[in-house]
Amino acid sequence: MLGAAEPPPGEASMRAVSEDQIPLHEEFIYCCGAATQVLKCGPWRDLLNGESTDLPRLLFLIIPGNPGLAGYYRTFIQALYCGLNQQYPVWAVSHAGHCKPPSGMEMTEDTDMKELEDIFGLHGQTEHKLDFLRKNVPKDMKLVLIGHSIGCYITLEMMKRASELKVLRSVLLFPTIERMAQSPKGKFMTPLLCKLRYILYMPVYLLSFLPERAKTSIVRFALRGLKCPDEASIATSINLFSVDCTANILYMASQEMLKVVDRDSTTIQQNLKKLIFYYGTADGWCPQQYYEEIKMDFPDGDIRLCERGFRHAFVLDASKEMAAMITHWLQDDLTKL
């Protein structure tokens, strides 16, 4: 039986200690020919070749926002795994080309170029996640997909393109699934991303020569407004000093502004009972107006508005709180397994 959404102070303290001690397995693989970082929490590292009697009944898979670095979700993964009483694996897969590959590994694999066609774009990133599932997860395994920001758009596209997926639930956090260019932040960022992003490459290139300590100081300065910034986010942000990573991140973002226009209400209606939406109250990418409109269009849907003041990029300072809420939301589904 899962614990309450907000455990007593003593229990919360004990759980916090255990979360920090939970080991994460990190892999760098080629998926669709592109370097991909995968974080895995739990003893199940290979779901395809293990004994069927040892396999879990369910996999939690996190589809990140943009920047799509799995490392940003490190604390979230550990907290979610603990909140689930360590019963189910929790994995996060980065977007193609958003992570700096380790020494000796190139950003793209020496392979048939057809496989790499626009893999760093929005369409390619969706196919990238489906290919990851096909090659790493049994077809009959039940899934809980957790999308964040543009990861929500990708999650809905995955459910649309691969209806055979055994999706138990999809949790869509701060979902950028419509009118991104018309959002408050989109109005400002669209010209920059679509016309001026190449100007950013030179300063990133110059900053890439700085020592690691200097890069870390710059990241800490950029996050100085946070009371308790997640240390995992600080370490992960060092990837943004790579020109290749930044170029792929900005290219994907430019496509988001151009292609995420109309909400896919058909896919939402077809999967409504599987979906949980969570909107912010002061989110510049998916403003409260979008919440009110989707709530009106789908009155029977599980569509929630944040009452705790979480920012769009919750992974920066509210990973544990978000994980606790999700385990609470899914209690009934999990007890029925």
Protein backbone atom coordinates (compact mmCIF):
# COMPACT_ATOMS: atom_id res chain seq x y z
CA MET A 1 0.00 0.00 0.00
CA LEU A 2 1.40 3.38 -0.98
CA GLY A 3 1.93 6.08 1.63
CA ALA A 4 0.01 9.33 1.87
CA ALA A 5 0.82 12.21 -0.44
CA GLU A 6 2.32 14.22 2.41
CA PRO A 7 3.83 11.92 5.07
CA PRO A 8 4.43 13.05 8.66
CA PRO A 9 7.68 15.03 9.24
CA GLY A 10 9.53 12.08 10.75
CA GLU A 11 8.56 9.72 7.95
CA ALA A 12 9.37 12.35 5.33
CA SER A 13 12.83 12.75 6.84
CA MET A 14 13.47 9.01 6.77
CA ARG A 15 12.21 8.77 3.21
CA ALA A 16 14.44 11.69 2.14
CA VAL A 17 17.48 9.85 3.45
CA SER A 18 16.55 6.66 1.63
CA GLU A 19 15.89 8.57 -1.62
CA ASP A 20 19.38 10.01 -1.61
CA GLN A 21 20.83 6.54 -1.09
CA ILE A 22 18.93 4.93 -3.98
CA PRO A 23 21.46 4.16 -6.74
CA LEU A 24 20.76 5.18 -10.31
CA HIS A 25 22.09 3.21 -13.25
CA GLU A 26 23.19 5.43 -16.14
CA GLU A 27 23.60 4.25 -19.72
CA PHE A 28 24.61 5.98 -22.93
CA ILE A 29 23.26 4.19 -25.97
CA TYR A 30 22.56 4.84 -29.62
CA CYS A 31 18.85 5.01 -30.36
CA CYS A 32 17.81 5.78 -33.94
CA GLY A 33 21.49 6.44 -34.49
CA ALA A 34 21.68 9.30 -31.97
CA ALA A 35 23.44 9.47 -28.59
CA THR A 36 20.89 8.92 -25.83
CA GLN A 37 21.21 9.01 -22.05
CA VAL A 38 19.07 6.62 -20.02
CA LEU A 39 18.65 6.68 -16.25
CA LYS A 40 17.23 3.59 -14.55
CA CYS A 41 16.10 3.29 -10.95
CA GLY A 42 15.54 -0.20 -9.60
CA PRO A 43 17.25 -3.58 -10.04
CA TRP A 44 15.68 -4.21 -13.45
CA ARG A 45 18.27 -3.03 -15.95
CA ASP A 46 17.38 -5.38 -18.81
CA LEU A 47 13.67 -6.02 -19.27
CA LEU A 48 14.00 -8.01 -22.49
CA ASN A 49 16.46 -10.69 -21.47
CA GLY A 50 15.49 -11.27 -17.83
CA GLU A 51 13.49 -14.20 -16.54
CA SER A 52 9.77 -13.56 -17.05
CA THR A 53 9.07 -14.47 -13.43
CA ASP A 54 11.43 -11.73 -12.28
CA LEU A 55 10.01 -8.97 -14.46
CA PRO A 56 7.97 -6.15 -12.91
CA ARG A 57 4.34 -5.72 -13.89
CA LEU A 58 4.79 -2.08 -14.77
CA LEU A 59 7.38 0.40 -16.03
CA PHE A 60 7.34 4.13 -15.30
CA LEU A 61 8.93 6.00 -18.22
CA ILE A 62 9.67 9.73 -18.07
CA ILE A 63 9.59 11.75 -21.31
CA PRO A 64 11.45 15.01 -20.57
CA GLY A 65 10.84 18.58 -21.56
CA ASN A 66 13.33 20.69 -23.47
CA PRO A 67 16.24 20.68 -22.72
CA GLY A 68 15.63 16.95 -22.71
CA LEU A 69 18.43 15.81 -20.43
CA ALA A 70 17.57 12.82 -18.26
CA GLY A 71 19.88 14.15 -15.54
CA TYR A 72 17.41 16.90 -14.68
CA TYR A 73 15.04 14.20 -13.48
CA ARG A 74 17.54 12.36 -11.28
CA THR A 75 16.01 13.46 -7.96
CA PHE A 76 12.49 13.04 -9.33
CA ILE A 77 13.24 9.46 -10.40
CA GLN A 78 14.67 8.51 -7.03
CA ALA A 79 11.78 10.10 -5.13
CA LEU A 80 9.19 8.44 -7.36
CA TYR A 81 10.85 5.04 -7.01
CA CYS A 82 10.81 5.37 -3.21
CA GLY A 83 7.23 6.61 -3.24
CA LEU A 84 6.29 3.45 -5.13
CA ASN A 85 7.86 1.38 -2.35
CA GLN A 86 10.60 0.32 -4.80
CA GLN A 87 8.14 -2.04 -6.51
CA TYR A 88 8.43 -0.75 -10.08
CA PRO A 89 11.31 0.46 -12.26
CA VAL A 90 11.42 4.17 -13.04
CA TRP A 91 13.34 5.12 -16.17
CA ALA A 92 14.03 8.41 -17.94
CA VAL A 93 15.23 8.62 -21.53
CA SER A 94 16.82 11.79 -22.86
CA HIS A 95 15.92 13.38 -26.15
CA ALA A 96 18.16 12.41 -29.03
CA GLY A 97 21.31 14.53 -29.11
CA HIS A 98 20.57 16.60 -26.01
CA CYS A 99 23.21 14.97 -23.81
CA LYS A 100 26.94 15.26 -24.19
CA PRO A 101 28.12 11.70 -24.90
CA PRO A 102 31.02 10.27 -22.90
CA SER A 103 34.54 10.24 -24.25
CA GLY A 104 34.87 7.90 -27.21
CA MET A 105 31.21 8.18 -28.21
CA GLU A 106 30.06 10.43 -31.03
CA MET A 107 26.80 12.38 -31.10
CA THR A 108 25.58 10.25 -34.02
CA GLU A 109 26.35 6.67 -34.91
CA ASP A 110 28.06 5.78 -38.18
CA THR A 111 24.97 4.30 -39.79
CA ASP A 112 22.50 4.63 -42.64
CA MET A 113 21.64 8.32 -42.89
CA LYS A 114 17.96 7.52 -43.52
CA GLU A 115 17.76 6.41 -39.93
CA LEU A 116 18.98 9.84 -38.84
CA GLU A 117 16.58 11.87 -40.96
CA ASP A 118 15.47 14.76 -38.74
CA ILE A 119 15.96 12.66 -35.61
CA PHE A 120 16.62 15.87 -33.66
CA GLY A 121 13.29 17.38 -34.75
CA LEU A 122 9.93 17.01 -33.04
CA HIS A 123 8.72 14.15 -35.24
CA GLY A 124 12.06 12.38 -34.93
CA GLN A 125 12.09 12.70 -31.14
CA THR A 126 8.71 10.94 -30.97
CA GLU A 127 9.95 8.09 -33.17
CA HIS A 128 13.08 8.00 -31.01
CA LYS A 129 11.00 7.22 -27.89
CA LEU A 130 8.94 4.58 -29.69
CA ASP A 131 12.10 2.96 -31.00
CA PHE A 132 13.53 2.94 -27.47
CA LEU A 133 10.45 1.10 -26.21
CA ARG A 134 10.54 -1.41 -29.06
CA LYS A 135 14.18 -2.27 -28.41
CA ASN A 136 14.21 -2.19 -24.60
CA VAL A 137 10.76 -3.04 -23.23
CA PRO A 138 8.59 -6.15 -23.72
CA LYS A 139 5.55 -5.50 -25.90
CA ASP A 140 3.12 -6.70 -23.25
CA MET A 141 4.56 -4.65 -20.37
CA LYS A 142 2.20 -2.09 -18.88
CA LEU A 143 3.42 1.50 -18.88
CA VAL A 144 2.94 4.68 -16.94
CA LEU A 145 4.18 7.50 -19.16
CA ILE A 146 5.11 10.73 -17.42
CA GLY A 147 5.51 13.61 -19.82
CA HIS A 148 6.82 17.03 -18.86
CA SER A 149 6.30 20.16 -20.97
CA ILE A 150 6.96 19.20 -24.62
CA GLY A 151 7.29 15.64 -23.35
CA CYS A 152 3.48 15.74 -22.97
CA TYR A 153 3.09 16.47 -26.67
CA ILE A 154 5.45 13.60 -27.46
CA THR A 155 3.54 11.31 -25.08
CA LEU A 156 0.23 12.01 -26.82
CA GLU A 157 1.90 11.46 -30.20
CA MET A 158 3.28 8.11 -28.97
CA MET A 159 -0.20 7.02 -27.90
CA LYS A 160 -1.57 8.12 -31.27
CA ARG A 161 1.09 6.43 -33.41
CA ALA A 162 1.40 3.25 -31.33
CA SER A 163 -2.05 2.42 -29.99
CA GLU A 164 -0.78 -1.08 -29.19
CA LEU A 165 1.23 0.27 -26.25
CA LYS A 166 -0.08 -1.05 -22.93
CA VAL A 167 -0.48 2.37 -21.33
CA LEU A 168 -2.07 2.21 -17.89
CA ARG A 169 -1.78 5.96 -17.30
CA SER A 170 -0.16 9.00 -18.83
CA VAL A 171 0.63 11.86 -16.47
CA LEU A 172 1.09 15.15 -18.34
CA LEU A 173 2.90 17.78 -16.26
CA PHE A 174 2.73 21.41 -17.40
CA PRO A 175 1.64 20.24 -20.85
CA THR A 176 2.76 22.27 -23.85
CA ILE A 177 0.35 20.61 -26.27
CA GLU A 178 -1.09 23.63 -28.08
CA ARG A 179 -0.44 27.19 -29.26
CA MET A 180 3.12 27.41 -28.00
CA ALA A 181 4.04 30.39 -30.16
CA GLN A 182 0.97 32.26 -28.86
CA SER A 183 1.80 31.68 -25.20
CA PRO A 184 3.35 34.57 -23.22
CA LYS A 185 6.84 33.05 -23.42
CA GLY A 186 6.30 31.81 -26.94
CA LYS A 187 5.63 35.30 -28.24
CA PHE A 188 9.04 36.38 -26.99
CA MET A 189 10.99 33.21 -27.82
CA THR A 190 9.62 32.39 -31.28
CA PRO A 191 11.59 35.10 -33.18
CA LEU A 192 14.72 34.23 -31.23
CA LEU A 193 14.42 30.48 -31.80
CA CYS A 194 13.26 30.55 -35.40
CA LYS A 195 15.41 33.39 -36.80
CA LEU A 196 18.22 34.23 -34.42
CA ARG A 197 19.24 30.98 -32.73
CA TYR A 198 22.45 30.68 -34.75
CA ILE A 199 23.74 33.84 -33.08
CA LEU A 200 23.80 31.94 -29.78
CA TYR A 201 26.22 29.30 -31.03
CA MET A 202 29.34 31.50 -30.87
CA PRO A 203 29.07 32.51 -27.19
CA VAL A 204 28.30 28.90 -26.27
CA TYR A 205 31.36 27.79 -28.23
CA LEU A 206 33.56 30.29 -26.39
CA LEU A 207 32.12 29.36 -22.99
CA SER A 208 32.77 25.68 -23.71
CA PHE A 209 36.51 26.29 -23.17
CA LEU A 210 35.99 27.42 -19.58
CA PRO A 211 37.09 25.05 -16.79
CA GLU A 212 34.34 22.99 -15.14
CA ARG A 213 34.47 25.07 -11.96
CA ALA A 214 33.77 28.26 -13.91
CA LYS A 215 30.88 26.62 -15.77
CA THR A 216 29.38 25.48 -12.47
CA SER A 217 29.66 29.01 -11.09
CA ILE A 218 27.81 30.38 -14.12
CA VAL A 219 25.02 27.83 -13.68
CA ARG A 220 24.71 28.63 -9.97
CA PHE A 221 24.52 32.34 -10.80
CA ALA A 222 21.77 31.67 -13.38
CA LEU A 223 19.78 29.72 -10.75
CA ARG A 224 20.44 32.19 -7.93
CA GLY A 225 16.73 33.00 -7.66
CA LEU A 226 15.91 29.51 -6.38
CA LYS A 227 15.90 28.98 -2.62
CA CYS A 228 17.02 25.35 -2.82
CA PRO A 229 18.18 24.48 -6.35
CA ASP A 230 18.49 20.77 -7.06
CA GLU A 231 22.17 19.83 -7.21
CA ALA A 232 21.41 17.31 -9.97
CA SER A 233 20.10 20.15 -12.12
CA ILE A 234 23.27 22.16 -11.59
CA ALA A 235 25.48 19.27 -12.67
CA THR A 236 23.25 18.46 -15.65
CA SER A 237 23.24 22.05 -16.89
CA ILE A 238 26.95 21.76 -17.70
CA ASN A 239 25.81 19.92 -20.87
CA LEU A 240 24.43 23.23 -22.14
CA PHE A 241 27.99 24.46 -22.69
CA SER A 242 28.31 21.95 -25.55
CA VAL A 243 27.62 23.55 -28.94
CA ASP A 244 26.28 20.28 -30.38
CA CYS A 245 23.83 19.81 -27.50
CA THR A 246 22.70 23.44 -27.57
CA ALA A 247 22.22 23.35 -31.36
CA ASN A 248 19.99 20.26 -31.09
CA ILE A 249 18.05 21.74 -28.16
CA LEU A 250 17.39 25.04 -29.95
CA TYR A 251 16.51 23.31 -33.23
CA MET A 252 13.88 21.18 -31.47
CA ALA A 253 12.57 24.27 -29.66
CA SER A 254 12.18 26.13 -32.97
CA GLN A 255 10.09 23.26 -34.29
CA GLU A 256 7.93 23.36 -31.17
CA MET A 257 7.04 26.99 -31.90
CA LEU A 258 6.06 26.15 -35.47
CA LYS A 259 4.40 22.74 -35.07
CA VAL A 260 2.69 22.72 -31.68
CA VAL A 261 -0.38 24.69 -32.71
CA ASP A 262 -3.70 22.87 -32.43
CA ARG A 263 -4.48 20.64 -29.47
CA ASP A 264 -4.99 17.02 -30.56
CA SER A 265 -8.45 16.70 -29.05
CA THR A 266 -9.15 13.48 -30.95
CA THR A 267 -6.27 11.60 -29.31
CA ILE A 268 -7.16 13.11 -25.94
CA GLN A 269 -10.80 11.99 -26.24
CA GLN A 270 -9.76 8.47 -27.31
CA ASN A 271 -7.48 8.13 -24.27
CA LEU A 272 -9.24 10.42 -21.80
CA LYS A 273 -9.61 7.81 -19.05
CA LYS A 274 -5.86 7.18 -19.12
CA LEU A 275 -4.78 10.82 -18.91
CA ILE A 276 -3.99 13.11 -15.99
CA PHE A 277 -3.26 16.75 -16.85
CA TYR A 278 -1.50 19.09 -14.41
CA TYR A 279 -1.37 22.80 -15.27
CA GLY A 280 0.43 25.64 -13.51
CA THR A 281 -1.18 28.86 -12.32
CA ALA A 282 1.60 31.14 -13.55
CA ASP A 283 3.05 29.19 -16.47
CA GLY A 284 4.30 31.26 -19.37
CA TRP A 285 4.29 28.27 -21.73
CA CYS A 286 0.81 26.88 -21.00
CA PRO A 287 -1.13 29.66 -19.26
CA GLN A 288 -4.15 29.11 -17.03
CA GLN A 289 -6.40 30.06 -19.95
CA TYR A 290 -5.35 26.81 -21.67
CA TYR A 291 -6.32 24.89 -18.53
CA GLU A 292 -9.74 26.53 -18.39
CA GLU A 293 -10.41 25.80 -22.07
CA ILE A 294 -9.39 22.13 -21.95
CA LYS A 295 -11.34 21.71 -18.72
CA MET A 296 -14.42 23.07 -20.49
CA ASP A 297 -13.89 20.84 -23.55
CA PHE A 298 -13.33 17.71 -21.45
CA PRO A 299 -15.42 18.10 -18.28
CA ASP A 300 -15.02 14.39 -17.45
CA GLY A 301 -11.24 14.46 -17.75
CA ASP A 302 -8.78 14.35 -14.87
CA ILE A 303 -7.47 17.88 -15.39
CA ARG A 304 -5.86 19.57 -12.39
CA LEU A 305 -4.57 23.04 -11.59
CA CYS A 306 -1.49 23.43 -9.40
CA GLU A 307 -2.28 24.85 -5.97
CA ARG A 308 1.28 24.76 -4.66
CA GLY A 309 3.00 27.34 -6.81
CA PHE A 310 5.27 24.92 -8.68
CA ARG A 311 7.17 26.43 -11.59
CA HIS A 312 7.04 25.01 -15.12
CA ALA A 313 10.56 23.64 -14.66
CA PHE A 314 9.61 21.84 -11.44
CA VAL A 315 12.74 19.67 -11.60
CA LEU A 316 14.82 22.65 -10.50
CA ASP A 317 13.41 22.74 -6.98
CA ALA A 318 10.25 20.63 -6.49
CA SER A 319 11.05 17.11 -7.72
CA LYS A 320 10.28 15.36 -4.43
CA GLU A 321 6.99 17.17 -3.93
CA MET A 322 5.86 16.34 -7.46
CA ALA A 323 6.82 12.68 -7.07
CA ALA A 324 4.80 12.46 -3.84
CA MET A 325 1.72 13.87 -5.57
CA ILE A 326 1.96 11.46 -8.49
CA THR A 327 2.23 8.39 -6.24
CA HIS A 328 -0.89 9.63 -4.43
CA TRP A 329 -2.80 10.13 -7.71
CA LEU A 330 -1.97 6.61 -8.90
CA GLN A 331 -2.73 4.69 -5.70
CA ASP A 332 -6.03 3.27 -6.92
CA ASP A 333 -4.58 2.21 -10.29
CA LEU A 334 -1.64 0.45 -8.67
CA THR A 335 -3.66 -1.42 -6.07
CA LYS A 336 -5.73 -2.95 -8.90
CA LEU A 337 -2.69 -4.48 -10.64
